[in-house]
PDB file of N, CA and C in Angstrom:
ATOM      1  N   MET A   1      -1.577 -34.417  -4.433  1.00  0.00           N
ATOM      2  CA  MET A   1      -0.777 -35.621  -4.497  1.00  0.00           C
ATOM      3  C   MET A   1       0.549 -35.372  -3.782  1.00  0.00           C
ATOM      4  N   ARG A   2       0.917 -36.266  -2.904  1.00  0.00           N
ATOM      5  CA  ARG A   2       2.170 -36.164  -2.167  1.00  0.00           C
ATOM      6  C   ARG A   2       3.244 -36.965  -2.880  1.00  0.00           C
ATOM      7  N   ILE A   3       4.388 -36.318  -3.049  1.00  0.00           N
ATOM      8  CA  ILE A   3       5.534 -36.969  -3.685  1.00  0.00           C
ATOM      9  C   ILE A   3       6.662 -36.980  -2.661  1.00  0.00           C
ATOM     10  N   PRO A   4       7.275 -38.133  -2.432  1.00  0.00           N
ATOM     11  CA  PRO A   4       8.412 -38.161  -1.505  1.00  0.00           C
ATOM     12  C   PRO A   4       9.524 -37.226  -1.996  1.00  0.00           C
ATOM     13  N   ILE A   5      10.216 -36.581  -1.074  1.00  0.00           N
ATOM     14  CA  ILE A   5      11.273 -35.641  -1.437  1.00  0.00           C
ATOM     15  C   ILE A   5      12.287 -36.287  -2.374  1.00  0.00           C
ATOM     16  N   LYS A   6      12.625 -37.529  -2.122  1.00  0.00           N
ATOM     17  CA  LYS A   6      13.627 -38.205  -2.946  1.00  0.00           C
ATOM     18  C   LYS A   6      13.187 -38.353  -4.403  1.00  0.00           C
ATOM     19  N   ASP A   7      11.888 -38.269  -4.662  1.00  0.00           N
ATOM     20  CA  ASP A   7      11.364 -38.442  -6.015  1.00  0.00           C
ATOM     21  C   ASP A   7      11.062 -37.131  -6.731  1.00  0.00           C
ATOM     22  N   LEU A   8      11.285 -36.004  -6.067  1.00  0.00           N
ATOM     23  CA  LEU A   8      11.001 -34.717  -6.699  1.00  0.00           C
ATOM     24  C   LEU A   8      11.990 -34.438  -7.824  1.00  0.00           C
ATOM     25  N   SER A   9      11.495 -33.863  -8.902  1.00  0.00           N
ATOM     26  CA  SER A   9      12.372 -33.453 -10.001  1.00  0.00           C
ATOM     27  C   SER A   9      13.068 -32.146  -9.631  1.00  0.00           C
ATOM     28  N   LYS A  10      14.087 -31.779 -10.369  1.00  0.00           N
ATOM     29  CA  LYS A  10      14.776 -30.507 -10.130  1.00  0.00           C
ATOM     30  C   LYS A  10      13.806 -29.347 -10.255  1.00  0.00           C
ATOM     31  N   GLU A  11      12.928 -29.410 -11.224  1.00  0.00           N
ATOM     32  CA  GLU A  11      11.952 -28.331 -11.419  1.00  0.00           C
ATOM     33  C   GLU A  11      10.982 -28.256 -10.250  1.00  0.00           C
ATOM     34  N   GLN A  12      10.544 -29.392  -9.751  1.00  0.00           N
ATOM     35  CA  GLN A  12       9.642 -29.385  -8.602  1.00  0.00           C
ATOM     36  C   GLN A  12      10.335 -28.795  -7.368  1.00  0.00           C
ATOM     37  N   VAL A  13      11.587 -29.140  -7.175  1.00  0.00           N
ATOM     38  CA  VAL A  13      12.348 -28.582  -6.052  1.00  0.00           C
ATOM     39  C   VAL A  13      12.476 -27.074  -6.231  1.00  0.00           C
ATOM     40  N   ARG A  14      12.816 -26.624  -7.433  1.00  0.00           N
ATOM     41  CA  ARG A  14      12.957 -25.201  -7.705  1.00  0.00           C
ATOM     42  C   ARG A  14      11.664 -24.449  -7.404  1.00  0.00           C
ATOM     43  N   LEU A  15      10.563 -24.993  -7.868  1.00  0.00           N
ATOM     44  CA  LEU A  15       9.269 -24.347  -7.635  1.00  0.00           C
ATOM     45  C   LEU A  15       8.925 -24.281  -6.144  1.00  0.00           C
ATOM     46  N   LEU A  16       9.140 -25.371  -5.437  1.00  0.00           N
ATOM     47  CA  LEU A  16       8.834 -25.397  -4.007  1.00  0.00           C
ATOM     48  C   LEU A  16       9.701 -24.394  -3.242  1.00  0.00           C
ATOM     49  N   LEU A  17      10.990 -24.346  -3.563  1.00  0.00           N
ATOM     50  CA  LEU A  17      11.865 -23.365  -2.914  1.00  0.00           C
ATOM     51  C   LEU A  17      11.404 -21.948  -3.215  1.00  0.00           C
ATOM     52  N   SER A  18      11.075 -21.707  -4.464  1.00  0.00           N
ATOM     53  CA  SER A  18      10.649 -20.362  -4.885  1.00  0.00           C
ATOM     54  C   SER A  18       9.374 -19.918  -4.184  1.00  0.00           C
ATOM     55  N   GLN A  19       8.539 -20.886  -3.813  1.00  0.00           N
ATOM     56  CA  GLN A  19       7.275 -20.579  -3.145  1.00  0.00           C
ATOM     57  C   GLN A  19       7.369 -20.766  -1.624  1.00  0.00           C
ATOM     58  N   ASP A  20       8.568 -21.074  -1.144  1.00  0.00           N
ATOM     59  CA  ASP A  20       8.812 -21.300   0.281  1.00  0.00           C
ATOM     60  C   ASP A  20       7.879 -22.365   0.851  1.00  0.00           C
ATOM     61  N   ILE A  21       7.806 -23.467   0.122  1.00  0.00           N
ATOM     62  CA  ILE A  21       6.999 -24.610   0.556  1.00  0.00           C
ATOM     63  C   ILE A  21       7.951 -25.756   0.896  1.00  0.00           C
ATOM     64  N   GLY A  22       7.970 -26.135   2.156  1.00  0.00           N
ATOM     65  CA  GLY A  22       8.816 -27.240   2.588  1.00  0.00           C
ATOM     66  C   GLY A  22      10.298 -26.952   2.493  1.00  0.00           C
ATOM     67  N   THR A  23      10.653 -25.686   2.484  1.00  0.00           N
ATOM     68  CA  THR A  23      12.045 -25.288   2.274  1.00  0.00           C
ATOM     69  C   THR A  23      13.002 -26.000   3.218  1.00  0.00           C
ATOM     70  N   ILE A  24      12.668 -26.051   4.483  1.00  0.00           N
ATOM     71  CA  ILE A  24      13.551 -26.662   5.474  1.00  0.00           C
ATOM     72  C   ILE A  24      13.884 -28.111   5.112  1.00  0.00           C
ATOM     73  N   PHE A  25      12.946 -28.795   4.477  1.00  0.00           N
ATOM     74  CA  PHE A  25      13.142 -30.192   4.109  1.00  0.00           C
ATOM     75  C   PHE A  25      13.870 -30.354   2.776  1.00  0.00           C
ATOM     76  N   LEU A  26      13.958 -29.283   2.006  1.00  0.00           N
ATOM     77  CA  LEU A  26      14.547 -29.340   0.665  1.00  0.00           C
ATOM     78  C   LEU A  26      15.995 -28.870   0.601  1.00  0.00           C
ATOM     79  N   LEU A  27      16.475 -28.230   1.639  1.00  0.00           N
ATOM     80  CA  LEU A  27      17.827 -27.667   1.594  1.00  0.00           C
ATOM     81  C   LEU A  27      18.880 -28.734   1.300  1.00  0.00           C
ATOM     82  N   ASP A  28      18.875 -29.817   2.052  1.00  0.00           N
ATOM     83  CA  ASP A  28      19.881 -30.862   1.866  1.00  0.00           C
ATOM     84  C   ASP A  28      19.790 -31.480   0.476  1.00  0.00           C
ATOM     85  N   LYS A  29      18.590 -31.814   0.040  1.00  0.00           N
ATOM     86  CA  LYS A  29      18.412 -32.410  -1.288  1.00  0.00           C
ATOM     87  C   LYS A  29      18.920 -31.469  -2.370  1.00  0.00           C
ATOM     88  N   THR A  30      18.625 -30.185  -2.230  1.00  0.00           N
ATOM     89  CA  THR A  30      19.033 -29.221  -3.238  1.00  0.00           C
ATOM     90  C   THR A  30      20.553 -29.111  -3.289  1.00  0.00           C
ATOM     91  N   ILE A  31      21.185 -29.064  -2.139  1.00  0.00           N
ATOM     92  CA  ILE A  31      22.652 -29.005  -2.116  1.00  0.00           C
ATOM     93  C   ILE A  31      23.242 -30.269  -2.729  1.00  0.00           C
ATOM     94  N   GLN A  32      22.641 -31.416  -2.460  1.00  0.00           N
ATOM     95  CA  GLN A  32      23.120 -32.666  -3.071  1.00  0.00           C
ATOM     96  C   GLN A  32      23.045 -32.599  -4.594  1.00  0.00           C
ATOM     97  N   ILE A  33      21.955 -32.080  -5.110  1.00  0.00           N
ATOM     98  CA  ILE A  33      21.806 -31.931  -6.570  1.00  0.00           C
ATOM     99  C   ILE A  33      22.893 -31.007  -7.100  1.00  0.00           C
ATOM    100  N   LEU A  34      23.112 -29.892  -6.420  1.00  0.00           N
ATOM    101  CA  LEU A  34      24.097 -28.912  -6.874  1.00  0.00           C
ATOM    102  C   LEU A  34      25.526 -29.421  -6.736  1.00  0.00           C
ATOM    103  N   GLU A  35      25.761 -30.323  -5.812  1.00  0.00           N
ATOM    104  CA  GLU A  35      27.094 -30.928  -5.698  1.00  0.00           C
ATOM    105  C   GLU A  35      27.401 -31.775  -6.924  1.00  0.00           C
ATOM    106  N   GLU A  36      26.376 -32.307  -7.545  1.00  0.00           N
ATOM    107  CA  GLU A  36      26.542 -33.078  -8.782  1.00  0.00           C
ATOM    108  C   GLU A  36      26.663 -32.163  -9.997  1.00  0.00           C
ATOM    109  N   ASP A  37      25.919 -31.055  -9.972  1.00  0.00           N
ATOM    110  CA  ASP A  37      25.900 -30.115 -11.107  1.00  0.00           C
ATOM    111  C   ASP A  37      25.502 -28.743 -10.578  1.00  0.00           C
ATOM    112  N   ILE A  38      26.483 -27.891 -10.351  1.00  0.00           N
ATOM    113  CA  ILE A  38      26.229 -26.582  -9.756  1.00  0.00           C
ATOM    114  C   ILE A  38      25.260 -25.755 -10.591  1.00  0.00           C
ATOM    115  N   LEU A  39      25.209 -26.001 -11.885  1.00  0.00           N
ATOM    116  CA  LEU A  39      24.305 -25.252 -12.767  1.00  0.00           C
ATOM    117  C   LEU A  39      23.066 -26.057 -13.146  1.00  0.00           C
ATOM    118  N   ALA A  40      22.697 -26.996 -12.275  1.00  0.00           N
ATOM    119  CA  ALA A  40      21.484 -27.796 -12.521  1.00  0.00           C
ATOM    120  C   ALA A  40      20.309 -26.859 -12.761  1.00  0.00           C
ATOM    121  N   ASP A  41      19.464 -27.261 -13.694  1.00  0.00           N
ATOM    122  CA  ASP A  41      18.338 -26.382 -14.016  1.00  0.00           C
ATOM    123  C   ASP A  41      17.018 -27.120 -13.922  1.00  0.00           C
ATOM    124  N   GLY A  42      15.993 -26.321 -13.638  1.00  0.00           N
ATOM    125  CA  GLY A  42      14.621 -26.808 -13.694  1.00  0.00           C
ATOM    126  C   GLY A  42      14.174 -26.660 -15.137  1.00  0.00           C
ATOM    127  N   ASP A  43      13.279 -25.730 -15.376  1.00  0.00           N
ATOM    128  CA  ASP A  43      12.775 -25.528 -16.736  1.00  0.00           C
ATOM    129  C   ASP A  43      13.176 -24.196 -17.354  1.00  0.00           C
ATOM    130  N   PHE A  44      13.917 -23.355 -16.616  1.00  0.00           N
ATOM    131  CA  PHE A  44      14.206 -22.022 -17.127  1.00  0.00           C
ATOM    132  C   PHE A  44      15.584 -21.870 -17.738  1.00  0.00           C
ATOM    133  N   TYR A  45      16.614 -21.998 -16.943  1.00  0.00           N
ATOM    134  CA  TYR A  45      17.973 -21.776 -17.445  1.00  0.00           C
ATOM    135  C   TYR A  45      18.957 -22.505 -16.534  1.00  0.00           C
ATOM    136  N   PRO A  46      20.136 -22.805 -17.052  1.00  0.00           N
ATOM    137  CA  PRO A  46      21.153 -23.421 -16.205  1.00  0.00           C
ATOM    138  C   PRO A  46      21.442 -22.518 -15.005  1.00  0.00           C
ATOM    139  N   GLY A  47      21.342 -23.087 -13.821  1.00  0.00           N
ATOM    140  CA  GLY A  47      21.583 -22.335 -12.607  1.00  0.00           C
ATOM    141  C   GLY A  47      20.323 -21.857 -11.913  1.00  0.00           C
ATOM    142  N   ASP A  48      19.146 -22.117 -12.497  1.00  0.00           N
ATOM    143  CA  ASP A  48      17.914 -21.626 -11.865  1.00  0.00           C
ATOM    144  C   ASP A  48      17.642 -22.294 -10.511  1.00  0.00           C
ATOM    145  N   LEU A  49      18.094 -23.523 -10.339  1.00  0.00           N
ATOM    146  CA  LEU A  49      17.928 -24.184  -9.042  1.00  0.00           C
ATOM    147  C   LEU A  49      18.822 -23.518  -7.988  1.00  0.00           C
ATOM    148  N   LEU A  50      20.052 -23.208  -8.365  1.00  0.00           N
ATOM    149  CA  LEU A  50      20.954 -22.495  -7.466  1.00  0.00           C
ATOM    150  C   LEU A  50      20.381 -21.130  -7.104  1.00  0.00           C
ATOM    151  N   SER A  51      19.844 -20.440  -8.064  1.00  0.00           N
ATOM    152  CA  SER A  51      19.243 -19.131  -7.813  1.00  0.00           C
ATOM    153  C   SER A  51      18.104 -19.244  -6.802  1.00  0.00           C
ATOM    154  N   ALA A  52      17.259 -20.244  -6.978  1.00  0.00           N
ATOM    155  CA  ALA A  52      16.146 -20.442  -6.032  1.00  0.00           C
ATOM    156  C   ALA A  52      16.682 -20.699  -4.628  1.00  0.00           C
ATOM    157  N   LEU A  53      17.740 -21.492  -4.525  1.00  0.00           N
ATOM    158  CA  LEU A  53      18.316 -21.799  -3.216  1.00  0.00           C
ATOM    159  C   LEU A  53      18.930 -20.554  -2.578  1.00  0.00           C
ATOM    160  N   LEU A  54      19.618 -19.752  -3.358  1.00  0.00           N
ATOM    161  CA  LEU A  54      20.258 -18.549  -2.831  1.00  0.00           C
ATOM    162  C   LEU A  54      19.251 -17.494  -2.394  1.00  0.00           C
ATOM    163  N   ASN A  55      18.019 -17.624  -2.844  1.00  0.00           N
ATOM    164  CA  ASN A  55      16.986 -16.650  -2.506  1.00  0.00           C
ATOM    165  C   ASN A  55      16.054 -17.094  -1.388  1.00  0.00           C
ATOM    166  N   VAL A  56      16.355 -18.224  -0.750  1.00  0.00           N
ATOM    167  CA  VAL A  56      15.524 -18.607   0.401  1.00  0.00           C
ATOM    168  C   VAL A  56      15.840 -17.664   1.558  1.00  0.00           C
ATOM    169  N   SER A  57      14.933 -17.567   2.469  1.00  0.00           N
ATOM    170  CA  SER A  57      15.062 -16.652   3.603  1.00  0.00           C
ATOM    171  C   SER A  57      16.299 -16.957   4.441  1.00  0.00           C
ATOM    172  N   GLU A  58      16.910 -15.910   4.933  1.00  0.00           N
ATOM    173  CA  GLU A  58      18.074 -16.006   5.814  1.00  0.00           C
ATOM    174  C   GLU A  58      17.771 -16.860   7.047  1.00  0.00           C
ATOM    175  N   VAL A  59      16.526 -16.895   7.456  1.00  0.00           N
ATOM    176  CA  VAL A  59      16.110 -17.679   8.625  1.00  0.00           C
ATOM    177  C   VAL A  59      16.538 -19.140   8.478  1.00  0.00           C
ATOM    178  N   TYR A  60      16.382 -19.689   7.290  1.00  0.00           N
ATOM    179  CA  TYR A  60      16.735 -21.096   7.073  1.00  0.00           C
ATOM    180  C   TYR A  60      18.230 -21.323   7.234  1.00  0.00           C
ATOM    181  N   TRP A  61      19.018 -20.378   6.759  1.00  0.00           N
ATOM    182  CA  TRP A  61      20.474 -20.533   6.865  1.00  0.00           C
ATOM    183  C   TRP A  61      20.937 -20.370   8.306  1.00  0.00           C
ATOM    184  N   LYS A  62      20.314 -19.469   9.041  1.00  0.00           N
ATOM    185  CA  LYS A  62      20.693 -19.276  10.443  1.00  0.00           C
ATOM    186  C   LYS A  62      20.413 -20.525  11.268  1.00  0.00           C
ATOM    187  N   SER A  63      19.320 -21.201  10.969  1.00  0.00           N
ATOM    188  CA  SER A  63      18.973 -22.389  11.749  1.00  0.00           C
ATOM    189  C   SER A  63      19.599 -23.668  11.190  1.00  0.00           C
ATOM    190  N   ASN A  64      20.314 -23.545  10.098  1.00  0.00           N
ATOM    191  CA  ASN A  64      20.973 -24.700   9.478  1.00  0.00           C
ATOM    192  C   ASN A  64      22.375 -24.303   9.031  1.00  0.00           C
ATOM    193  N   SER A  65      23.172 -23.871   9.978  1.00  0.00           N
ATOM    194  CA  SER A  65      24.498 -23.340   9.637  1.00  0.00           C
ATOM    195  C   SER A  65      25.397 -24.390   8.978  1.00  0.00           C
ATOM    196  N   ASP A  66      25.189 -25.670   9.295  1.00  0.00           N
ATOM    197  CA  ASP A  66      25.977 -26.712   8.649  1.00  0.00           C
ATOM    198  C   ASP A  66      25.694 -26.757   7.147  1.00  0.00           C
ATOM    199  N   LEU A  67      24.420 -26.616   6.777  1.00  0.00           N
ATOM    200  CA  LEU A  67      24.062 -26.605   5.354  1.00  0.00           C
ATOM    201  C   LEU A  67      24.539 -25.318   4.681  1.00  0.00           C
ATOM    202  N   ALA A  68      24.460 -24.208   5.410  1.00  0.00           N
ATOM    203  CA  ALA A  68      24.953 -22.941   4.873  1.00  0.00           C
ATOM    204  C   ALA A  68      26.458 -23.038   4.607  1.00  0.00           C
ATOM    205  N   GLY A  69      27.166 -23.649   5.520  1.00  0.00           N
ATOM    206  CA  GLY A  69      28.605 -23.844   5.339  1.00  0.00           C
ATOM    207  C   GLY A  69      28.922 -24.749   4.173  1.00  0.00           C
ATOM    208  N   ARG A  70      28.126 -25.791   4.018  1.00  0.00           N
ATOM    209  CA  ARG A  70      28.297 -26.706   2.882  1.00  0.00           C
ATOM    210  C   ARG A  70      28.083 -25.980   1.563  1.00  0.00           C
ATOM    211  N   LEU A  71      27.039 -25.158   1.525  1.00  0.00           N
ATOM    212  CA  LEU A  71      26.758 -24.400   0.307  1.00  0.00           C
ATOM    213  C   LEU A  71      27.875 -23.396   0.046  1.00  0.00           C
ATOM    214  N   TYR A  72      28.329 -22.723   1.075  1.00  0.00           N
ATOM    215  CA  TYR A  72      29.413 -21.752   0.929  1.00  0.00           C
ATOM    216  C   TYR A  72      30.653 -22.432   0.328  1.00  0.00           C
ATOM    217  N   SER A  73      31.014 -23.586   0.844  1.00  0.00           N
ATOM    218  CA  SER A  73      32.177 -24.327   0.334  1.00  0.00           C
ATOM    219  C   SER A  73      31.981 -24.720  -1.124  1.00  0.00           C
ATOM    220  N   LEU A  74      30.798 -25.185  -1.437  1.00  0.00           N
ATOM    221  CA  LEU A  74      30.488 -25.580  -2.815  1.00  0.00           C
ATOM    222  C   LEU A  74      30.606 -24.383  -3.760  1.00  0.00           C
ATOM    223  N   LEU A  75      30.045 -23.261  -3.348  1.00  0.00           N
ATOM    224  CA  LEU A  75      30.124 -22.054  -4.172  1.00  0.00           C
ATOM    225  C   LEU A  75      31.572 -21.616  -4.350  1.00  0.00           C
ATOM    226  N   ASN A  76      32.345 -21.708  -3.299  1.00  0.00           N
ATOM    227  CA  ASN A  76      33.755 -21.335  -3.364  1.00  0.00           C
ATOM    228  C   ASN A  76      34.502 -22.214  -4.369  1.00  0.00           C
ATOM    229  N   GLN A  77      34.208 -23.506  -4.356  1.00  0.00           N
ATOM    230  CA  GLN A  77      34.863 -24.453  -5.274  1.00  0.00           C
ATOM    231  C   GLN A  77      34.428 -24.243  -6.723  1.00  0.00           C
ATOM    232  N   GLN A  78      33.180 -23.869  -6.911  1.00  0.00           N
ATOM    233  CA  GLN A  78      32.603 -23.800  -8.264  1.00  0.00           C
ATOM    234  C   GLN A  78      32.452 -22.375  -8.790  1.00  0.00           C
ATOM    235  N   ARG A  79      32.998 -21.409  -8.102  1.00  0.00           N
ATOM    236  CA  ARG A  79      32.795 -19.995  -8.457  1.00  0.00           C
ATOM    237  C   ARG A  79      33.161 -19.683  -9.904  1.00  0.00           C
ATOM    238  N   SER A  80      34.282 -20.173 -10.376  1.00  0.00           N
ATOM    239  CA  SER A  80      34.704 -19.850 -11.750  1.00  0.00           C
ATOM    240  C   SER A  80      33.742 -20.447 -12.780  1.00  0.00           C
ATOM    241  N   LEU A  81      33.239 -21.634 -12.519  1.00  0.00           N
ATOM    242  CA  LEU A  81      32.275 -22.245 -13.432  1.00  0.00           C
ATOM    243  C   LEU A  81      30.979 -21.434 -13.474  1.00  0.00           C
ATOM    244  N   ILE A  82      30.549 -20.966 -12.331  1.00  0.00           N
ATOM    245  CA  ILE A  82      29.340 -20.141 -12.251  1.00  0.00           C
ATOM    246  C   ILE A  82      29.551 -18.843 -13.026  1.00  0.00           C
ATOM    247  N   GLN A  83      30.712 -18.222 -12.852  1.00  0.00           N
ATOM    248  CA  GLN A  83      31.006 -16.971 -13.553  1.00  0.00           C
ATOM    249  C   GLN A  83      31.060 -17.175 -15.067  1.00  0.00           C
ATOM    250  N   LYS A  84      31.632 -18.302 -15.490  1.00  0.00           N
ATOM    251  CA  LYS A  84      31.736 -18.598 -16.924  1.00  0.00           C
ATOM    252  C   LYS A  84      30.372 -18.804 -17.568  1.00  0.00           C
ATOM    253  N   ALA A  85      29.368 -19.162 -16.757  1.00  0.00           N
ATOM    254  CA  ALA A  85      28.021 -19.384 -17.298  1.00  0.00           C
ATOM    255  C   ALA A  85      27.435 -18.087 -17.846  1.00  0.00           C
ATOM    256  N   GLY A  86      27.916 -16.949 -17.358  1.00  0.00           N
ATOM    257  CA  GLY A  86      27.519 -15.666 -17.913  1.00  0.00           C
ATOM    258  C   GLY A  86      26.174 -15.118 -17.472  1.00  0.00           C
ATOM    259  N   HIS A  87      25.616 -15.641 -16.385  1.00  0.00           N
ATOM    260  CA  HIS A  87      24.347 -15.117 -15.868  1.00  0.00           C
ATOM    261  C   HIS A  87      24.656 -14.093 -14.787  1.00  0.00           C
ATOM    262  N   LYS A  88      24.563 -12.824 -15.129  1.00  0.00           N
ATOM    263  CA  LYS A  88      24.958 -11.752 -14.217  1.00  0.00           C
ATOM    264  C   LYS A  88      24.164 -11.776 -12.914  1.00  0.00           C
ATOM    265  N   ARG A  89      22.866 -12.030 -13.012  1.00  0.00           N
ATOM    266  CA  ARG A  89      22.039 -12.066 -11.802  1.00  0.00           C
ATOM    267  C   ARG A  89      22.481 -13.185 -10.872  1.00  0.00           C
ATOM    268  N   LEU A  90      22.708 -14.358 -11.429  1.00  0.00           N
ATOM    269  CA  LEU A  90      23.148 -15.501 -10.627  1.00  0.00           C
ATOM    270  C   LEU A  90      24.501 -15.196  -9.985  1.00  0.00           C
ATOM    271  N   ASP A  91      25.389 -14.605 -10.732  1.00  0.00           N
ATOM    272  CA  ASP A  91      26.701 -14.266 -10.195  1.00  0.00           C
ATOM    273  C   ASP A  91      26.569 -13.270  -9.039  1.00  0.00           C
ATOM    274  N   ARG A  92      25.668 -12.308  -9.156  1.00  0.00           N
ATOM    275  CA  ARG A  92      25.417 -11.356  -8.069  1.00  0.00           C
ATOM    276  C   ARG A  92      24.879 -12.063  -6.835  1.00  0.00           C
ATOM    277  N   GLU A  93      23.944 -12.998  -7.034  1.00  0.00           N
ATOM    278  CA  GLU A  93      23.360 -13.736  -5.910  1.00  0.00           C
ATOM    279  C   GLU A  93      24.437 -14.547  -5.180  1.00  0.00           C
ATOM    280  N   VAL A  94      25.315 -15.174  -5.954  1.00  0.00           N
ATOM    281  CA  VAL A  94      26.410 -15.946  -5.362  1.00  0.00           C
ATOM    282  C   VAL A  94      27.329 -15.015  -4.572  1.00  0.00           C
ATOM    283  N   ALA A  95      27.673 -13.886  -5.168  1.00  0.00           N
ATOM    284  CA  ALA A  95      28.565 -12.927  -4.504  1.00  0.00           C
ATOM    285  C   ALA A  95      27.954 -12.433  -3.192  1.00  0.00           C
ATOM    286  N   GLN A  96      26.658 -12.158  -3.195  1.00  0.00           N
ATOM    287  CA  GLN A  96      25.988 -11.698  -1.972  1.00  0.00           C
ATOM    288  C   GLN A  96      26.034 -12.764  -0.883  1.00  0.00           C
ATOM    289  N   PHE A  97      25.757 -13.994  -1.269  1.00  0.00           N
ATOM    290  CA  PHE A  97      25.792 -15.076  -0.293  1.00  0.00           C
ATOM    291  C   PHE A  97      27.197 -15.226   0.277  1.00  0.00           C
ATOM    292  N   MET A  98      28.186 -15.243  -0.605  1.00  0.00           N
ATOM    293  CA  MET A  98      29.561 -15.458  -0.182  1.00  0.00           C
ATOM    294  C   MET A  98      30.114 -14.273   0.603  1.00  0.00           C
ATOM    295  N   ALA A  99      29.598 -13.096   0.377  1.00  0.00           N
ATOM    296  CA  ALA A  99      30.065 -11.914   1.099  1.00  0.00           C
ATOM    297  C   ALA A  99      29.563 -11.913   2.537  1.00  0.00           C
ATOM    298  N   GLY A 100      28.742 -12.867   2.870  1.00  0.00           N
ATOM    299  CA  GLY A 100      28.296 -12.996   4.244  1.00  0.00           C
ATOM    300  C   GLY A 100      26.964 -12.358   4.530  1.00  0.00           C
ATOM    301  N   GLN A 101      26.159 -12.180   3.491  1.00  0.00           N
ATOM    302  CA  GLN A 101      24.816 -11.640   3.720  1.00  0.00           C
ATOM    303  C   GLN A 101      24.095 -12.477   4.754  1.00  0.00           C
ATOM    304  N   PHE A 102      24.360 -13.777   4.756  1.00  0.00           N
ATOM    305  CA  PHE A 102      23.736 -14.684   5.710  1.00  0.00           C
ATOM    306  C   PHE A 102      24.727 -14.921   6.837  1.00  0.00           C
ATOM    307  N   SER A 103      24.410 -14.418   7.994  1.00  0.00           N
ATOM    308  CA  SER A 103      25.358 -14.471   9.113  1.00  0.00           C
ATOM    309  C   SER A 103      25.703 -15.895   9.529  1.00  0.00           C
ATOM    310  N   ALA A 104      24.882 -16.863   9.148  1.00  0.00           N
ATOM    311  CA  ALA A 104      25.182 -18.256   9.490  1.00  0.00           C
ATOM    312  C   ALA A 104      26.440 -18.735   8.791  1.00  0.00           C
ATOM    313  N   VAL A 105      26.786 -18.114   7.670  1.00  0.00           N
ATOM    314  CA  VAL A 105      27.941 -18.536   6.904  1.00  0.00           C
ATOM    315  C   VAL A 105      29.220 -17.923   7.459  1.00  0.00           C
ATOM    316  N   ASN A 106      29.109 -16.786   8.107  1.00  0.00           N
ATOM    317  CA  ASN A 106      30.299 -16.058   8.593  1.00  0.00           C
ATOM    318  C   ASN A 106      31.002 -16.818   9.699  1.00  0.00           C
TER     319      ASN A 106
END
């Protein structure tokens, strides 16, 4: 069954990103969701959608530097809220992204 991207739930987006299915088409939608709630969650924990996004291949960020920049800015603005959430793994993933692991952001 095909579901339009605009109708996907947060959990469906998280799963698709995690499985690298349609990732290129989901980046913008995912950032839009996170702009509303940086700790948006699918079915696991607050921030699981952000974690899935931060773990997509560097290839996507290199070919979409505008989206990488948007995400970088969002993370910079919301860093303290992410840290207060207390998820050490998520905080590490954010730190890696912001440290320039993805050259598209630098």
